């Protein structure tokens, strides 16, 4: 009922005093959930620590996939726009990938796959923005390196058409007509 502080007192008591009991483990998970549901920056930081702690304490717990999913969601919710630092996006992508690989039959798998794709697109968009920045500044080699990295790391990027076009334009600027032609052919 959104009375987080009162509820957390009870959950902490049960989680700390009955840590090896099923009810204590459930309370530890609900305690982490209470911080997540608060939807504040401090709440997310606290939830992240608690979900990590739950996973390290109880790695074979039946709800371990849930804790990993929530851990991914914490970073997902803190991810920035593509023109900002992408550390939380990387963490979210790693957590979603770990969930997909380690718990293939998890009930959270479908949503994790969709969010994993979204996180990869966000990371790819960040690389595209950085490459375009170098392109605008006339740093052709740096832009070329970023585009090549984008193509290798994110082959299913949803904005691949624009990346191929600008990569081709970069190759033209560098005087590499054959490479530019190959990129434009791929775009076509």
C-alpha atoms as a PDB file:
ATOM      1  CA  UNK A   1       0.000   0.000   0.000  1.00  0.00           C
ATOM      2  CA  UNK A   2       3.037   2.248  -0.644  1.00  0.00           C
ATOM      3  CA  UNK A   3       3.871   2.549   3.062  1.00  0.00           C
ATOM      4  CA  UNK A   4       7.440   1.563   2.279  1.00  0.00           C
ATOM      5  CA  UNK A   5       9.181   2.447   5.526  1.00  0.00           C
ATOM      6  CA  UNK A   6       6.694   0.621   7.753  1.00  0.00           C
ATOM      7  CA  UNK A   7       6.660  -2.439   5.518  1.00  0.00           C
ATOM      8  CA  UNK A   8      10.446  -2.503   5.276  1.00  0.00           C
ATOM      9  CA  UNK A   9      10.797  -2.685   9.035  1.00  0.00           C
ATOM     10  CA  UNK A  10       8.819  -5.926   9.086  1.00  0.00           C
ATOM     11  CA  UNK A  11      10.500  -7.318   5.987  1.00  0.00           C
ATOM     12  CA  UNK A  12      13.984  -6.544   7.380  1.00  0.00           C
ATOM     13  CA  UNK A  13      13.136  -8.298  10.634  1.00  0.00           C
ATOM     14  CA  UNK A  14      11.983 -11.444   8.868  1.00  0.00           C
ATOM     15  CA  UNK A  15      14.804 -11.388   6.284  1.00  0.00           C
ATOM     16  CA  UNK A  16      17.528 -10.940   8.912  1.00  0.00           C
ATOM     17  CA  UNK A  17      16.203 -13.251  11.616  1.00  0.00           C
ATOM     18  CA  UNK A  18      15.029 -16.058   9.342  1.00  0.00           C
ATOM     19  CA  UNK A  19      17.626 -15.785   6.565  1.00  0.00           C
ATOM     20  CA  UNK A  20      17.787 -19.542   5.861  1.00  0.00           C
ATOM     21  CA  UNK A  21      14.044 -20.092   6.032  1.00  0.00           C
ATOM     22  CA  UNK A  22      11.877 -19.912   2.891  1.00  0.00           C
ATOM     23  CA  UNK A  23       9.923 -17.055   4.450  1.00  0.00           C
ATOM     24  CA  UNK A  24      13.136 -15.128   5.153  1.00  0.00           C
ATOM     25  CA  UNK A  25      14.267 -15.505   1.558  1.00  0.00           C
ATOM     26  CA  UNK A  26      10.858 -14.338   0.349  1.00  0.00           C
ATOM     27  CA  UNK A  27      11.082 -11.324   2.673  1.00  0.00           C
ATOM     28  CA  UNK A  28      14.547 -10.452   1.330  1.00  0.00           C
ATOM     29  CA  UNK A  29      13.157 -10.474  -2.192  1.00  0.00           C
ATOM     30  CA  UNK A  30      10.114  -8.398  -1.232  1.00  0.00           C
ATOM     31  CA  UNK A  31      12.406  -5.930   0.558  1.00  0.00           C
ATOM     32  CA  UNK A  32      14.378  -5.438  -2.656  1.00  0.00           C
ATOM     33  CA  UNK A  33      11.079  -5.104  -4.535  1.00  0.00           C
ATOM     34  CA  UNK A  34       9.940  -2.357  -2.165  1.00  0.00           C
ATOM     35  CA  UNK A  35      12.956  -0.249  -3.121  1.00  0.00           C
ATOM     36  CA  UNK A  36      12.392  -0.968  -6.815  1.00  0.00           C
ATOM     37  CA  UNK A  37       8.706   0.003  -6.622  1.00  0.00           C
ATOM     38  CA  UNK A  38       9.618   3.306  -4.981  1.00  0.00           C
ATOM     39  CA  UNK A  39      10.923   4.446  -8.409  1.00  0.00           C
ATOM     40  CA  UNK A  40      13.490   6.904  -7.075  1.00  0.00           C
ATOM     41  CA  UNK A  41      17.195   7.110  -7.841  1.00  0.00           C
ATOM     42  CA  UNK A  42      18.132   6.093  -4.294  1.00  0.00           C
ATOM     43  CA  UNK A  43      15.504   3.363  -4.351  1.00  0.00           C
ATOM     44  CA  UNK A  44      16.998   1.920  -7.542  1.00  0.00           C
ATOM     45  CA  UNK A  45      20.504   1.970  -6.068  1.00  0.00           C
ATOM     46  CA  UNK A  46      19.294   0.194  -2.934  1.00  0.00           C
ATOM     47  CA  UNK A  47      17.240  -2.299  -4.964  1.00  0.00           C
ATOM     48  CA  UNK A  48      20.240  -3.060  -7.159  1.00  0.00           C
ATOM     49  CA  UNK A  49      22.354  -3.875  -4.108  1.00  0.00           C
ATOM     50  CA  UNK A  50      19.643  -6.023  -2.572  1.00  0.00           C
ATOM     51  CA  UNK A  51      18.936  -8.016  -5.745  1.00  0.00           C
ATOM     52  CA  UNK A  52      22.673  -8.637  -6.183  1.00  0.00           C
ATOM     53  CA  UNK A  53      22.907  -9.717  -2.557  1.00  0.00           C
ATOM     54  CA  UNK A  54      19.950 -12.079  -2.983  1.00  0.00           C
ATOM     55  CA  UNK A  55      21.538 -13.671  -6.052  1.00  0.00           C
ATOM     56  CA  UNK A  56      24.891 -14.151  -4.331  1.00  0.00           C
ATOM     57  CA  UNK A  57      23.338 -15.561  -1.135  1.00  0.00           C
ATOM     58  CA  UNK A  58      20.831 -17.859  -2.813  1.00  0.00           C
ATOM     59  CA  UNK A  59      22.163 -18.725  -6.316  1.00  0.00           C
ATOM     60  CA  UNK A  60      20.032 -21.880  -6.630  1.00  0.00           C
ATOM     61  CA  UNK A  61      16.827 -20.355  -5.260  1.00  0.00           C
ATOM     62  CA  UNK A  62      13.771 -21.003  -7.492  1.00  0.00           C
ATOM     63  CA  UNK A  63      13.175 -17.231  -7.781  1.00  0.00           C
ATOM     64  CA  UNK A  64      16.762 -16.467  -8.765  1.00  0.00           C
ATOM     65  CA  UNK A  65      15.606 -15.739 -12.308  1.00  0.00           C
ATOM     66  CA  UNK A  66      13.196 -13.147 -10.927  1.00  0.00           C
ATOM     67  CA  UNK A  67      15.996 -11.463  -8.969  1.00  0.00           C
ATOM     68  CA  UNK A  68      18.158 -11.326 -12.097  1.00  0.00           C
ATOM     69  CA  UNK A  69      15.242  -9.959 -14.141  1.00  0.00           C
ATOM     70  CA  UNK A  70      14.602  -7.242 -11.567  1.00  0.00           C
ATOM     71  CA  UNK A  71      18.325  -6.463 -11.457  1.00  0.00           C
ATOM     72  CA  UNK A  72      18.225  -5.941 -15.220  1.00  0.00           C
ATOM     73  CA  UNK A  73      15.122  -3.777 -14.893  1.00  0.00           C
ATOM     74  CA  UNK A  74      16.835  -1.562 -12.318  1.00  0.00           C
ATOM     75  CA  UNK A  75      19.620  -0.733 -14.774  1.00  0.00           C
ATOM     76  CA  UNK A  76      17.130  -0.524 -17.628  1.00  0.00           C
ATOM     77  CA  UNK A  77      15.098   2.110 -15.802  1.00  0.00           C
ATOM     78  CA  UNK A  78      18.258   4.132 -15.143  1.00  0.00           C
ATOM     79  CA  UNK A  79      19.509   4.008 -18.737  1.00  0.00           C
ATOM     80  CA  UNK A  80      20.056   7.335 -20.436  1.00  0.00           C
ATOM     81  CA  UNK A  81      19.319   8.695 -23.905  1.00  0.00           C
ATOM     82  CA  UNK A  82      21.758   7.550 -26.621  1.00  0.00           C
ATOM     83  CA  UNK A  83      23.749  10.787 -26.458  1.00  0.00           C
ATOM     84  CA  UNK A  84      24.608  10.238 -22.783  1.00  0.00           C
ATOM     85  CA  UNK A  85      26.726   7.730 -20.837  1.00  0.00           C
ATOM     86  CA  UNK A  86      25.541   4.172 -21.484  1.00  0.00           C
ATOM     87  CA  UNK A  87      26.932   2.361 -18.441  1.00  0.00           C
ATOM     88  CA  UNK A  88      23.487   1.437 -17.072  1.00  0.00           C
ATOM     89  CA  UNK A  89      22.403   0.336 -20.540  1.00  0.00           C
ATOM     90  CA  UNK A  90      25.426  -1.996 -20.754  1.00  0.00           C
ATOM     91  CA  UNK A  91      24.658  -3.455 -17.323  1.00  0.00           C
ATOM     92  CA  UNK A  92      21.003  -3.974 -18.260  1.00  0.00           C
ATOM     93  CA  UNK A  93      21.970  -5.675 -21.536  1.00  0.00           C
ATOM     94  CA  UNK A  94      24.420  -7.974 -19.729  1.00  0.00           C
ATOM     95  CA  UNK A  95      21.807  -8.894 -17.128  1.00  0.00           C
ATOM     96  CA  UNK A  96      19.124  -9.583 -19.729  1.00  0.00           C
ATOM     97  CA  UNK A  97      21.571 -11.692 -21.738  1.00  0.00           C
ATOM     98  CA  UNK A  98      22.541 -13.634 -18.609  1.00  0.00           C
ATOM     99  CA  UNK A  99      18.871 -14.276 -17.847  1.00  0.00           C
ATOM    100  CA  UNK A 100      18.199 -15.481 -21.403  1.00  0.00           C
ATOM    101  CA  UNK A 101      21.230 -17.790 -21.362  1.00  0.00           C
ATOM    102  CA  UNK A 102      21.002 -19.156 -17.815  1.00  0.00           C
ATOM    103  CA  UNK A 103      17.218 -19.415 -17.547  1.00  0.00           C
ATOM    104  CA  UNK A 104      15.942 -20.196 -21.067  1.00  0.00           C
ATOM    105  CA  UNK A 105      12.566 -21.426 -19.787  1.00  0.00           C
ATOM    106  CA  UNK A 106      11.969 -18.540 -17.399  1.00  0.00           C
ATOM    107  CA  UNK A 107       8.596 -16.829 -17.409  1.00  0.00           C
ATOM    108  CA  UNK A 108      10.504 -13.553 -17.781  1.00  0.00           C
ATOM    109  CA  UNK A 109      12.317 -14.734 -20.928  1.00  0.00           C
ATOM    110  CA  UNK A 110       9.990 -13.147 -23.478  1.00  0.00           C
ATOM    111  CA  UNK A 111      10.158  -9.705 -21.903  1.00  0.00           C
ATOM    112  CA  UNK A 112      13.891 -10.090 -21.294  1.00  0.00           C
ATOM    113  CA  UNK A 113      14.488 -10.826 -24.989  1.00  0.00           C
ATOM    114  CA  UNK A 114      12.504  -7.758 -26.046  1.00  0.00           C
ATOM    115  CA  UNK A 115      14.270  -5.491 -23.565  1.00  0.00           C
ATOM    116  CA  UNK A 116      17.667  -6.991 -24.491  1.00  0.00           C
ATOM    117  CA  UNK A 117      17.034  -6.022 -28.128  1.00  0.00           C
ATOM    118  CA  UNK A 118      16.002  -2.521 -27.006  1.00  0.00           C
ATOM    119  CA  UNK A 119      19.179  -2.153 -24.933  1.00  0.00           C
ATOM    120  CA  UNK A 120      21.335  -3.289 -27.867  1.00  0.00           C
ATOM    121  CA  UNK A 121      19.614  -0.748 -30.100  1.00  0.00           C
ATOM    122  CA  UNK A 122      20.282   1.972 -27.546  1.00  0.00           C
ATOM    123  CA  UNK A 123      23.970   1.027 -27.393  1.00  0.00           C
ATOM    124  CA  UNK A 124      24.158   0.919 -31.207  1.00  0.00           C
ATOM    125  CA  UNK A 125      22.481   4.314 -31.466  1.00  0.00           C
ATOM    126  CA  UNK A 126      25.082   5.681 -29.053  1.00  0.00           C
ATOM    127  CA  UNK A 127      27.865   4.357 -31.302  1.00  0.00           C
ATOM    128  CA  UNK A 128      26.148   5.893 -34.333  1.00  0.00           C
ATOM    129  CA  UNK A 129      25.903   9.292 -32.620  1.00  0.00           C
ATOM    130  CA  UNK A 130      29.587   9.194 -31.694  1.00  0.00           C
ATOM    131  CA  UNK A 131      30.533   8.211 -35.260  1.00  0.00           C
ATOM    132  CA  UNK A 132      28.449  11.075 -36.645  1.00  0.00           C
ATOM    133  CA  UNK A 133      30.139  13.444 -34.189  1.00  0.00           C
ATOM    134  CA  UNK A 134      33.552  12.428 -35.537  1.00  0.00           C
ATOM    135  CA  UNK A 135      32.238  12.741 -39.072  1.00  0.00           C
ATOM    136  CA  UNK A 136      31.033  16.298 -38.468  1.00  0.00           C
ATOM    137  CA  UNK A 137      34.416  17.211 -36.977  1.00  0.00           C
ATOM    138  CA  UNK A 138      36.306  15.843 -39.966  1.00  0.00           C
ATOM    139  CA  UNK A 139      37.904  12.999 -38.008  1.00  0.00           C
ATOM    140  CA  UNK A 140      37.264  10.522 -40.825  1.00  0.00           C
ATOM    141  CA  UNK A 141      39.426   7.680 -39.486  1.00  0.00           C
ATOM    142  CA  UNK A 142      37.820   7.889 -36.061  1.00  0.00           C
ATOM    143  CA  UNK A 143      34.352   7.885 -37.618  1.00  0.00           C
ATOM    144  CA  UNK A 144      35.322   4.904 -39.783  1.00  0.00           C
ATOM    145  CA  UNK A 145      36.489   2.997 -36.691  1.00  0.00           C
ATOM    146  CA  UNK A 146      33.227   3.691 -34.883  1.00  0.00           C
ATOM    147  CA  UNK A 147      31.133   2.582 -37.849  1.00  0.00           C
ATOM    148  CA  UNK A 148      33.157  -0.633 -38.190  1.00  0.00           C
ATOM    149  CA  UNK A 149      32.710  -1.301 -34.471  1.00  0.00           C
ATOM    150  CA  UNK A 150      28.983  -0.686 -34.786  1.00  0.00           C
ATOM    151  CA  UNK A 151      28.663  -3.156 -37.678  1.00  0.00           C
ATOM    152  CA  UNK A 152      30.577  -5.856 -35.819  1.00  0.00           C
ATOM    153  CA  UNK A 153      28.989  -5.439 -32.388  1.00  0.00           C
ATOM    154  CA  UNK A 154      25.401  -4.680 -33.434  1.00  0.00           C
ATOM    155  CA  UNK A 155      24.562  -6.500 -36.695  1.00  0.00           C
ATOM    156  CA  UNK A 156      20.815  -6.304 -35.992  1.00  0.00           C
ATOM    157  CA  UNK A 157      20.734  -2.564 -35.265  1.00  0.00           C
ATOM    158  CA  UNK A 158      17.356  -1.137 -36.291  1.00  0.00           C
ATOM    159  CA  UNK A 159      18.991   1.964 -37.783  1.00  0.00           C
ATOM    160  CA  UNK A 160      21.395   0.012 -39.964  1.00  0.00           C
ATOM    161  CA  UNK A 161      20.336   1.861 -43.139  1.00  0.00           C
ATOM    162  CA  UNK A 162      21.444   5.256 -41.879  1.00  0.00           C
ATOM    163  CA  UNK A 163      24.636   3.762 -40.441  1.00  0.00           C
ATOM    164  CA  UNK A 164      25.506   2.150 -43.779  1.00  0.00           C
ATOM    165  CA  UNK A 165      24.840   5.400 -45.618  1.00  0.00           C
ATOM    166  CA  UNK A 166      27.028   7.513 -43.325  1.00  0.00           C
ATOM    167  CA  UNK A 167      29.739   4.864 -43.235  1.00  0.00           C
ATOM    168  CA  UNK A 168      29.736   4.941 -47.039  1.00  0.00           C
ATOM    169  CA  UNK A 169      30.018   8.730 -46.989  1.00  0.00           C
ATOM    170  CA  UNK A 170      32.956   8.408 -44.599  1.00  0.00           C
ATOM    171  CA  UNK A 171      34.700   6.047 -47.001  1.00  0.00           C
ATOM    172  CA  UNK A 172      34.104   8.540 -49.829  1.00  0.00           C
ATOM    173  CA  UNK A 173      35.726  11.281 -47.740  1.00  0.00           C
ATOM    174  CA  UNK A 174      38.700   9.011 -47.108  1.00  0.00           C
ATOM    175  CA  UNK A 175      39.024   8.327 -50.834  1.00  0.00           C
ATOM    176  CA  UNK A 176      38.216   4.623 -50.494  1.00  0.00           C
ATOM    177  CA  UNK A 177      35.794   4.317 -53.377  1.00  0.00           C
ATOM    178  CA  UNK A 178      35.782   0.509 -53.406  1.00  0.00           C
ATOM    179  CA  UNK A 179      34.861   0.291 -49.692  1.00  0.00           C
ATOM    180  CA  UNK A 180      32.213   2.988 -50.157  1.00  0.00           C
ATOM    181  CA  UNK A 181      30.724   1.100 -53.093  1.00  0.00           C
ATOM    182  CA  UNK A 182      30.559  -2.085 -50.996  1.00  0.00           C
ATOM    183  CA  UNK A 183      28.707  -0.255 -48.208  1.00  0.00           C
ATOM    184  CA  UNK A 184      26.268   1.393 -50.618  1.00  0.00           C
ATOM    185  CA  UNK A 185      25.688  -1.954 -52.299  1.00  0.00           C
ATOM    186  CA  UNK A 186      24.934  -3.493 -48.912  1.00  0.00           C
ATOM    187  CA  UNK A 187      22.556  -0.607 -48.206  1.00  0.00           C
ATOM    188  CA  UNK A 188      20.780  -1.141 -51.513  1.00  0.00           C
END
